[in-house]
Amino acid sequence: MSAPLGLFRNRVGALRPAAFTSLLPGTHPGRSPAGGRWISGTLTGGALRPLEGVRVLDLTRVLAGPFATMILGDLGAEVVKVERPGAGDDTRAWGPPFVSSESAYFLSVNRNKKSVAVDMKHPRGVEVIQEVGSTNHEPDFSLFHLNVHRKHKQPFISYGQTGPQAQSPGYDSIISAVSGMMHITGPQDGEPVRPGVAMTDMATGLYAHGAVMAALLQRHNTGRGVHIDCNLLSSQVSCLSHIAANYLNAGKEARRWGTAHESIVPYQGFRTKDGYIIVAAGNDKQFVRMCQVMFMVELTEEPKYKTNNLRVQNRQQLLQTLSERLLQENTADWLRRFQGSGVPVGPINSIQEVFAEPQVKHNGLIQEMQHPAAGLIAVPGPAVRFSSFSPSGPTPPPLIGQHTVQVLRDTLSYSDDVIKALLESGAVAQNEAI
């Protein structure tokens, strides 16, 4: 579920990204060549992350937007997350489970960010956000789902900036249904099923992150900013891939297949003596090897199983035969048998089993941080590794308004008296828990 990512707006005009300008010969290490603003952070050589010096003003909430900005933060951007005083991001209340008073949901997608608590209904609160986006303090990107000029929320950007449904609200589950994703997900003879993770939100966040990176590169090449429309519907429909192509080119309506594949057999989950296993024979050679491992070589001599096309046509009988065989041994025994065979197989893991997997640990997918309120927390780590820098040392997800005074003082250069007046007026709030 998500309040979808609204619009992305590159607000720096002809200025180059700070990450690039800092490396240009003859420039001051802290200023852009145009001299118009300070870049966010001091850049050094060595393990320089790709977005060091880039500032992101983040007014998104829930999942799609925060997921995108977390990735940008992982890559070195300074992400300033704007939240409502008191409540903060919606997902702070989504639980259980909670770690101390912190929602595990919120913790999962908000590392490497600063939180400022600003009342968007207060005139001075709106002015603060507008000043962050002004010439002297301009961020490299602003990610909005709020209209700060009109002082109220825009309709959620679920369907796009324009078109017949542009004003319609929606969440991940709504767009999962509208896009056809839910129609193709679930057991063969069962009801449509919502995917277990908000994949529409996650896909939108990934598209958004890539679009921001492309826009920064375009600005570097052309000196011009760009407006990006990244919405849930377009993201999910584009991910329908071959399912969409089957319909668009052959008029073939999709159906639910459970764990099976419409066009490849065998390519699905099977019961074992003590659990489940996925077997995926993606070509004829792998099918022959699978039969050898399972001591069912006679199947390779059957004319009706000689090619994948024939196996698809004779799916039911073949799958019944394989199912009966796979039920005879435990999952671990089958995995040992298939080891080194070249046939892709894998267990259907519980989440506990996922994080006990040696490869998951090796890939650094358990990222631990010391949170100021919750203590030691762990979240899924970045999926991508770079040879030039390490993702170690992330900052933990912030408390609501943890960095309000810091941003007002260091980014906007507000005096202590101005900051005090803003705090007393309720336009902004500072977390006093730390």
Protein backbone atom coordinates (compact mmCIF):
# COMPACT_ATOMS: atom_id res chain seq x y z
CA MET A 1 0.00 0.00 0.00
CA SER A 2 1.33 3.42 -0.81
CA ALA A 3 0.58 7.03 -1.29
CA PRO A 4 2.10 7.01 -4.76
CA LEU A 5 5.06 9.01 -5.84
CA GLY A 6 3.84 12.23 -7.32
CA LEU A 7 5.99 14.31 -9.59
CA PHE A 8 9.71 14.70 -9.85
CA ARG A 9 10.98 18.13 -10.63
CA ASN A 10 14.58 19.03 -11.35
CA ARG A 11 14.72 22.56 -9.97
CA VAL A 12 18.26 23.66 -10.71
CA GLY A 13 17.85 25.04 -14.21
CA ALA A 14 21.17 25.42 -15.91
CA LEU A 15 23.29 24.48 -12.91
CA ARG A 16 25.22 21.25 -13.22
CA PRO A 17 24.86 18.60 -10.51
CA ALA A 18 27.01 19.38 -7.51
CA ALA A 19 28.52 15.91 -7.76
CA PHE A 20 29.92 16.88 -11.13
CA THR A 21 30.74 20.54 -10.53
CA SER A 22 32.91 19.73 -7.55
CA LEU A 23 35.22 17.78 -9.79
CA LEU A 24 35.61 20.46 -12.45
CA PRO A 25 39.10 22.00 -12.58
CA GLY A 26 39.38 25.45 -11.13
CA THR A 27 36.22 25.35 -9.06
CA HIS A 28 35.94 26.02 -5.36
CA PRO A 29 35.55 22.69 -3.53
CA GLY A 30 32.32 23.84 -1.89
CA ARG A 31 30.59 25.92 -4.58
CA SER A 32 29.13 25.38 -8.02
CA PRO A 33 30.96 27.11 -10.90
CA ALA A 34 28.08 29.56 -11.14
CA GLY A 35 28.67 30.52 -7.51
CA GLY A 36 24.95 30.42 -6.82
CA ARG A 37 24.80 27.90 -3.99
CA TRP A 38 26.77 25.65 -1.69
CA ILE A 39 26.72 22.00 -2.54
CA SER A 40 25.52 19.62 0.16
CA GLY A 41 28.57 18.17 1.81
CA THR A 42 32.31 18.20 1.37
CA LEU A 43 33.58 15.99 -1.41
CA THR A 44 36.78 14.03 -1.14
CA GLY A 45 38.62 11.62 -3.36
CA GLY A 46 38.75 7.89 -2.91
CA ALA A 47 35.47 6.13 -2.26
CA LEU A 48 33.26 8.91 -3.67
CA ARG A 49 29.68 7.75 -4.01
CA PRO A 50 27.92 8.67 -7.30
CA LEU A 51 25.51 11.22 -5.79
CA GLU A 52 27.79 12.86 -3.23
CA GLY A 53 26.93 16.58 -3.23
CA VAL A 54 23.42 16.11 -4.62
CA ARG A 55 20.58 17.27 -2.37
CA VAL A 56 17.06 15.81 -2.62
CA LEU A 57 14.04 17.56 -1.11
CA ASP A 58 11.69 14.67 -0.38
CA LEU A 59 8.00 15.32 0.31
CA THR A 60 6.87 11.80 -0.53
CA ARG A 61 5.46 9.33 1.96
CA VAL A 62 4.59 5.67 2.46
CA LEU A 63 6.51 3.42 0.00
CA ALA A 64 7.07 4.30 -3.68
CA GLY A 65 8.64 7.70 -3.06
CA PRO A 66 10.54 6.79 0.11
CA PHE A 67 11.91 3.67 -1.60
CA ALA A 68 13.24 5.81 -4.46
CA THR A 69 14.79 8.40 -2.16
CA MET A 70 16.36 5.72 0.02
CA ILE A 71 18.17 4.38 -3.04
CA LEU A 72 19.34 7.91 -3.86
CA GLY A 73 20.55 8.24 -0.27
CA ASP A 74 22.38 4.92 -0.54
CA LEU A 75 24.19 6.40 -3.54
CA GLY A 76 25.36 9.41 -1.54
CA ALA A 77 22.62 12.02 -1.98
CA GLU A 78 21.66 14.21 0.96
CA VAL A 79 17.94 13.42 1.34
CA VAL A 80 15.86 15.90 3.34
CA LYS A 81 12.57 14.21 4.21
CA VAL A 82 9.71 16.60 5.06
CA GLU A 83 7.13 15.19 7.48
CA ARG A 84 4.06 16.37 9.34
CA PRO A 85 4.77 17.38 12.94
CA GLY A 86 3.48 14.80 15.38
CA ALA A 87 2.34 12.02 13.04
CA GLY A 88 5.05 12.07 10.40
CA ASP A 89 5.03 9.64 7.49
CA ASP A 90 1.91 7.44 7.44
CA THR A 91 3.97 4.28 7.79
CA ARG A 92 5.27 5.34 11.22
CA ALA A 93 1.89 4.12 12.50
CA TRP A 94 1.75 0.94 10.42
CA GLY A 95 2.18 -1.98 12.76
CA PRO A 96 2.71 -4.20 14.54
CA PRO A 97 5.48 -5.05 14.55
CA PHE A 98 7.13 -2.09 16.22
CA VAL A 99 10.74 -1.91 17.38
CA SER A 100 10.44 0.07 20.58
CA SER A 101 8.03 2.74 19.31
CA GLU A 102 9.27 2.63 15.71
CA SER A 103 7.33 0.91 12.92
CA ALA A 104 9.34 -1.82 11.20
CA TYR A 105 7.59 -0.79 7.97
CA PHE A 106 8.93 2.77 8.22
CA LEU A 107 12.40 1.57 9.21
CA SER A 108 12.60 -0.60 6.08
CA VAL A 109 12.68 2.24 3.52
CA ASN A 110 13.99 5.37 5.25
CA ARG A 111 17.70 4.99 6.00
CA ASN A 112 20.17 7.68 4.95
CA LYS A 113 17.69 10.55 5.34
CA LYS A 114 17.26 13.68 7.44
CA SER A 115 13.79 14.42 8.81
CA VAL A 116 12.40 17.93 9.13
CA ALA A 117 8.94 18.38 10.63
CA VAL A 118 7.05 21.17 8.86
CA ASP A 119 3.36 22.09 9.12
CA MET A 120 2.35 22.49 5.48
CA LYS A 121 -0.91 24.19 6.53
CA HIS A 122 0.97 26.92 8.37
CA PRO A 123 1.96 29.93 6.19
CA ARG A 124 5.46 30.02 7.63
CA GLY A 125 5.82 26.27 7.10
CA VAL A 126 5.05 26.71 3.42
CA GLU A 127 7.57 29.54 3.24
CA VAL A 128 10.27 27.32 4.76
CA ILE A 129 9.76 24.66 2.10
CA GLN A 130 9.65 27.28 -0.64
CA GLU A 131 12.91 28.75 0.64
CA VAL A 132 14.58 25.37 0.57
CA GLY A 133 13.65 25.37 -3.12
CA SER A 134 14.78 28.95 -3.72
CA THR A 135 17.78 30.06 -5.74
CA ASN A 136 20.31 30.22 -2.93
CA HIS A 137 19.47 26.85 -1.39
CA GLU A 138 18.16 25.00 -4.42
CA PRO A 139 18.16 21.19 -4.20
CA ASP A 140 19.11 19.09 -7.17
CA PHE A 141 15.77 17.33 -7.11
CA SER A 142 12.44 17.87 -5.41
CA LEU A 143 10.17 14.85 -5.13
CA PHE A 144 6.62 15.93 -4.45
CA HIS A 145 3.22 14.55 -3.77
CA LEU A 146 2.22 17.76 -2.01
CA ASN A 147 1.32 21.10 -3.55
CA VAL A 148 3.11 23.52 -1.25
CA HIS A 149 1.91 26.56 -3.17
CA ARG A 150 -1.77 25.71 -2.65
CA LYS A 151 -1.10 24.50 0.89
CA HIS A 152 -2.95 21.19 0.52
CA LYS A 153 -2.43 17.70 -0.79
CA GLN A 154 -2.62 17.03 -4.48
CA PRO A 155 -4.59 13.98 -5.56
CA PHE A 156 -2.33 10.97 -5.31
CA ILE A 157 -0.44 10.50 -8.53
CA SER A 158 -1.56 6.98 -9.30
CA TYR A 159 -2.54 7.31 -12.94
CA GLY A 160 -0.40 10.13 -14.30
CA GLN A 161 -0.31 13.93 -14.39
CA THR A 162 -2.87 14.13 -17.20
CA GLY A 163 -5.66 12.02 -18.64
CA PRO A 164 -9.16 10.90 -17.63
CA GLN A 165 -8.07 9.43 -14.28
CA ALA A 166 -5.38 11.95 -13.35
CA GLN A 167 -7.43 13.15 -10.36
CA SER A 168 -8.30 9.68 -9.06
CA PRO A 169 -6.69 8.55 -5.78
CA GLY A 170 -5.17 5.13 -5.38
CA TYR A 171 -2.80 2.84 -3.54
CA ASP A 172 -0.62 -0.06 -4.59
CA SER A 173 -3.46 -2.58 -4.27
CA ILE A 174 -5.81 -0.46 -6.40
CA ILE A 175 -3.31 -0.09 -9.21
CA SER A 176 -2.31 -3.74 -8.90
CA ALA A 177 -5.94 -4.54 -9.70
CA VAL A 178 -6.45 -1.91 -12.42
CA SER A 179 -3.17 -2.77 -14.18
CA GLY A 180 -4.00 -6.49 -14.50
CA MET A 181 -1.30 -7.58 -12.08
CA MET A 182 -3.83 -9.00 -9.64
CA HIS A 183 -5.70 -10.73 -12.47
CA ILE A 184 -2.66 -12.86 -13.30
CA THR A 185 -1.62 -13.56 -9.70
CA GLY A 186 -3.01 -16.45 -7.67
CA PRO A 187 -3.81 -20.17 -7.91
CA GLN A 188 -4.98 -21.54 -11.25
CA ASP A 189 -8.54 -22.18 -10.12
CA GLY A 190 -8.70 -19.59 -7.38
CA GLU A 191 -9.47 -15.92 -6.85
CA PRO A 192 -7.19 -13.02 -7.86
CA VAL A 193 -4.49 -12.45 -5.23
CA ARG A 194 -2.64 -9.33 -4.16
CA PRO A 195 1.14 -9.93 -4.38
CA GLY A 196 2.70 -10.44 -0.96
CA VAL A 197 4.85 -7.30 -1.32
CA ALA A 198 3.66 -3.98 -2.79
CA MET A 199 5.36 -4.66 -6.12
CA THR A 200 3.60 -1.78 -7.91
CA ASP A 201 5.01 0.67 -5.40
CA MET A 202 8.44 -0.94 -5.52
CA ALA A 203 8.52 -0.90 -9.33
CA THR A 204 7.52 2.76 -9.33
CA GLY A 205 10.28 3.56 -6.86
CA LEU A 206 12.83 1.78 -9.03
CA TYR A 207 11.63 3.57 -12.18
CA ALA A 208 11.73 6.88 -10.30
CA HIS A 209 15.27 6.32 -9.05
CA GLY A 210 16.43 5.49 -12.59
CA ALA A 211 14.61 8.50 -14.02
CA VAL A 212 16.26 10.85 -11.51
CA MET A 213 19.69 9.46 -12.36
CA ALA A 214 19.01 9.90 -16.09
CA ALA A 215 17.76 13.46 -15.55
CA LEU A 216 20.89 14.35 -13.58
CA LEU A 217 23.03 13.01 -16.41
CA GLN A 218 20.96 14.93 -18.97
CA ARG A 219 21.39 18.11 -16.94
CA HIS A 220 25.13 17.51 -16.86
CA ASN A 221 25.15 17.15 -20.64
CA THR A 222 22.70 19.94 -21.55
CA GLY A 223 22.58 22.28 -18.55
CA ARG A 224 18.78 22.02 -18.47
CA GLY A 225 16.45 20.63 -15.83
CA VAL A 226 13.50 18.34 -16.51
CA HIS A 227 10.08 17.45 -15.14
CA ILE A 228 9.42 13.73 -14.66
CA ASP A 229 6.00 12.06 -14.46
CA CYS A 230 6.41 8.69 -12.76
CA ASN A 231 3.14 7.07 -11.74
CA LEU A 232 1.97 3.71 -10.44
CA LEU A 233 -0.21 2.71 -13.40
CA SER A 234 2.46 3.26 -16.05
CA SER A 235 5.09 1.53 -13.94
CA GLN A 236 3.01 -1.60 -13.39
CA VAL A 237 1.59 -1.89 -16.93
CA SER A 238 5.09 -1.57 -18.37
CA CYS A 239 6.13 -4.48 -16.13
CA LEU A 240 3.50 -6.79 -17.64
CA SER A 241 6.17 -7.60 -20.22
CA HIS A 242 5.40 -10.76 -22.23
CA ILE A 243 1.93 -11.05 -20.70
CA ALA A 244 1.04 -7.74 -22.35
CA ALA A 245 2.81 -8.72 -25.58
CA ASN A 246 0.84 -11.98 -25.74
CA TYR A 247 -2.39 -10.00 -25.77
CA LEU A 248 -1.26 -7.08 -27.93
CA ASN A 249 0.17 -9.33 -30.66
CA ALA A 250 -1.82 -12.56 -30.44
CA GLY A 251 -5.01 -11.47 -28.70
CA LYS A 252 -4.28 -14.00 -25.96
CA GLU A 253 -5.97 -13.18 -22.65
CA ALA A 254 -3.89 -13.97 -19.59
CA ARG A 255 -4.92 -16.27 -16.75
CA ARG A 256 -3.62 -17.24 -13.34
CA TRP A 257 -1.05 -20.03 -13.20
CA GLY A 258 -0.10 -20.27 -9.54
CA THR A 259 3.64 -21.01 -9.48
CA ALA A 260 3.57 -22.43 -13.03
CA HIS A 261 4.57 -20.76 -16.30
CA GLU A 262 2.23 -20.49 -19.23
CA SER A 263 4.91 -21.09 -21.86
CA ILE A 264 7.50 -23.35 -20.18
CA VAL A 265 7.06 -26.86 -18.72
CA PRO A 266 8.24 -27.82 -16.16
CA TYR A 267 8.71 -24.42 -14.57
CA GLN A 268 6.87 -24.35 -11.23
CA GLY A 269 6.67 -25.38 -7.62
CA PHE A 270 6.19 -28.98 -6.48
CA ARG A 271 5.47 -30.56 -3.13
CA THR A 272 8.23 -32.65 -1.63
CA LYS A 273 8.08 -35.04 1.28
CA ASP A 274 8.56 -32.18 3.75
CA GLY A 275 8.01 -28.92 1.87
CA TYR A 276 8.24 -27.37 -1.57
CA ILE A 277 10.77 -27.00 -4.36
CA ILE A 278 10.80 -24.99 -7.59
CA VAL A 279 12.11 -26.76 -10.68
CA ALA A 280 12.71 -24.71 -13.85
CA ALA A 281 13.77 -26.59 -16.97
CA GLY A 282 14.00 -23.63 -19.31
CA ASN A 283 15.25 -25.54 -22.34
CA ASP A 284 15.35 -29.06 -23.76
CA LYS A 285 18.86 -29.76 -22.49
CA GLN A 286 17.85 -28.87 -18.95
CA PHE A 287 14.80 -31.10 -19.22
CA VAL A 288 16.96 -34.08 -20.17
CA ARG A 289 19.35 -33.36 -17.30
CA MET A 290 16.45 -33.02 -14.88
CA CYS A 291 15.14 -36.42 -15.89
CA GLN A 292 18.58 -37.93 -15.36
CA VAL A 293 18.86 -36.46 -11.85
CA MET A 294 15.40 -37.73 -10.97
CA PHE A 295 16.11 -41.22 -12.43
CA MET A 296 13.33 -40.75 -14.97
CA VAL A 297 15.33 -41.00 -18.17
CA GLU A 298 12.44 -42.80 -19.85
CA LEU A 299 10.63 -39.46 -20.06
CA THR A 300 13.28 -38.15 -22.45
CA GLU A 301 12.37 -40.91 -24.91
CA GLU A 302 8.71 -39.96 -24.97
CA PRO A 303 7.94 -38.20 -28.30
CA LYS A 304 5.38 -35.96 -26.58
CA TYR A 305 8.06 -34.50 -24.29
CA LYS A 306 10.86 -34.00 -26.83
CA THR A 307 10.48 -30.20 -27.07
CA ASN A 308 9.20 -27.49 -24.79
CA ASN A 309 6.31 -26.80 -27.16
CA LEU A 310 5.24 -30.44 -26.90
CA ARG A 311 5.67 -30.42 -23.12
CA VAL A 312 3.40 -27.38 -22.88
CA GLN A 313 0.78 -29.22 -24.96
CA ASN A 314 1.04 -32.29 -22.72
CA ARG A 315 1.50 -30.37 -19.49
CA GLN A 316 -1.02 -32.17 -17.28
CA GLN A 317 0.30 -35.72 -17.65
CA LEU A 318 3.96 -34.70 -17.35
CA LEU A 319 3.40 -32.62 -14.25
CA GLN A 320 1.45 -35.40 -12.60
CA THR A 321 4.35 -37.81 -13.18
CA LEU A 322 6.94 -35.36 -11.87
CA SER A 323 4.81 -34.48 -8.84
CA GLU A 324 4.55 -38.10 -7.77
CA ARG A 325 8.32 -38.52 -8.00
CA LEU A 326 9.22 -35.33 -6.14
CA LEU A 327 6.94 -36.28 -3.25
CA GLN A 328 9.14 -39.27 -2.50
CA GLU A 329 12.08 -37.32 -1.02
CA ASN A 330 12.77 -34.32 1.21
CA THR A 331 13.50 -30.88 -0.18
CA ALA A 332 17.10 -30.92 1.09
CA ASP A 333 17.71 -34.30 -0.57
CA TRP A 334 16.45 -33.01 -3.91
CA LEU A 335 18.59 -29.89 -3.63
CA ARG A 336 21.67 -32.07 -3.05
CA ARG A 337 20.78 -34.23 -6.05
CA PHE A 338 20.43 -31.23 -8.34
CA GLN A 339 23.61 -29.53 -7.08
CA GLY A 340 25.97 -29.03 -10.04
CA SER A 341 23.51 -30.42 -12.57
CA GLY A 342 22.92 -27.16 -14.37
CA VAL A 343 19.18 -27.38 -13.72
CA PRO A 344 17.83 -24.32 -11.85
CA VAL A 345 16.07 -25.39 -8.66
CA GLY A 346 15.41 -23.81 -5.30
CA PRO A 347 13.43 -24.21 -2.10
CA ILE A 348 10.36 -22.09 -1.38
CA ASN A 349 11.77 -20.38 1.68
CA SER A 350 10.01 -18.79 4.58
CA ILE A 351 11.33 -15.31 5.45
CA GLN A 352 13.24 -16.85 8.35
CA GLU A 353 14.88 -19.25 5.92
CA VAL A 354 15.67 -16.43 3.49
CA PHE A 355 17.84 -14.62 6.02
CA ALA A 356 19.53 -17.85 7.06
CA GLU A 357 20.67 -18.43 3.46
CA PRO A 358 24.47 -18.21 3.19
CA GLN A 359 24.26 -16.37 -0.14
CA VAL A 360 21.91 -13.74 1.31
CA LYS A 361 24.41 -13.09 4.10
CA HIS A 362 27.33 -13.08 1.65
CA ASN A 363 25.58 -10.48 -0.52
CA GLY A 364 25.28 -8.14 2.46
CA LEU A 365 21.49 -8.12 2.40
CA ILE A 366 21.17 -7.78 6.16
CA GLN A 367 22.08 -4.20 7.05
CA GLU A 368 22.37 -3.33 10.71
CA MET A 369 22.21 0.18 12.17
CA GLN A 370 22.09 1.74 15.62
CA HIS A 371 18.81 3.66 15.85
CA PRO A 372 18.53 6.51 18.40
CA ALA A 373 15.27 5.15 19.86
CA ALA A 374 14.97 1.54 18.77
CA GLY A 375 18.57 0.49 19.35
CA LEU A 376 20.11 -2.06 17.00
CA ILE A 377 17.87 -2.58 13.95
CA ALA A 378 18.26 -4.61 10.77
CA VAL A 379 16.75 -3.97 7.34
CA PRO A 380 17.30 -5.36 3.83
CA GLY A 381 20.53 -3.94 2.44
CA PRO A 382 21.10 -2.40 -1.01
CA ALA A 383 20.69 -4.83 -3.91
CA VAL A 384 23.51 -3.34 -6.01
CA ARG A 385 27.21 -3.28 -5.20
CA PHE A 386 29.80 -0.95 -6.75
CA SER A 387 33.51 -1.56 -7.12
CA SER A 388 34.28 2.06 -6.26
CA PHE A 389 32.62 2.38 -2.85
CA SER A 390 31.13 0.34 -0.04
CA PRO A 391 27.56 0.76 1.29
CA SER A 392 28.83 0.42 4.85
CA GLY A 393 28.03 3.01 7.50
CA PRO A 394 24.45 4.00 6.64
CA THR A 395 22.62 6.45 8.88
CA PRO A 396 19.52 4.98 10.58
CA PRO A 397 15.99 6.05 9.67
CA PRO A 398 15.35 9.38 11.42
CA LEU A 399 12.96 10.27 14.20
CA ILE A 400 10.20 12.73 13.25
CA GLY A 401 11.82 16.16 13.01
CA GLN A 402 15.18 14.89 14.19
CA HIS A 403 17.05 17.25 11.87
CA THR A 404 14.71 20.25 11.71
CA VAL A 405 16.96 22.69 13.55
CA GLN A 406 20.07 21.37 11.83
CA VAL A 407 18.59 21.96 8.35
CA LEU A 408 17.21 25.38 9.24
CA ARG A 409 20.56 26.44 10.66
CA ASP A 410 23.03 24.77 8.29
CA THR A 411 21.11 24.73 5.00
CA LEU A 412 18.96 27.86 5.29
CA SER A 413 21.36 29.79 7.55
CA TYR A 414 18.53 30.82 9.87
CA SER A 415 19.52 32.59 13.08
CA ASP A 416 18.72 31.09 16.47
CA ASP A 417 16.03 33.75 16.99
CA VAL A 418 14.28 32.89 13.72
CA ILE A 419 14.43 29.18 14.47
CA LYS A 420 13.03 29.77 17.95
CA ALA A 421 10.15 31.81 16.52
CA LEU A 422 9.34 29.10 13.98
CA LEU A 423 9.32 26.44 16.68
CA GLU A 424 7.10 28.53 18.96
CA SER A 425 4.65 29.26 16.13
CA GLY A 426 4.23 25.56 15.38
CA ALA A 427 5.32 26.02 11.78
CA VAL A 428 8.13 23.53 12.41
CA ALA A 429 8.96 21.04 15.12
CA GLN A 430 12.19 19.59 16.48
CA ASN A 431 12.33 16.12 18.02
CA GLU A 432 13.64 16.48 21.55
CA ALA A 433 14.00 12.75 22.23
CA ILE A 434 17.71 12.76 21.46
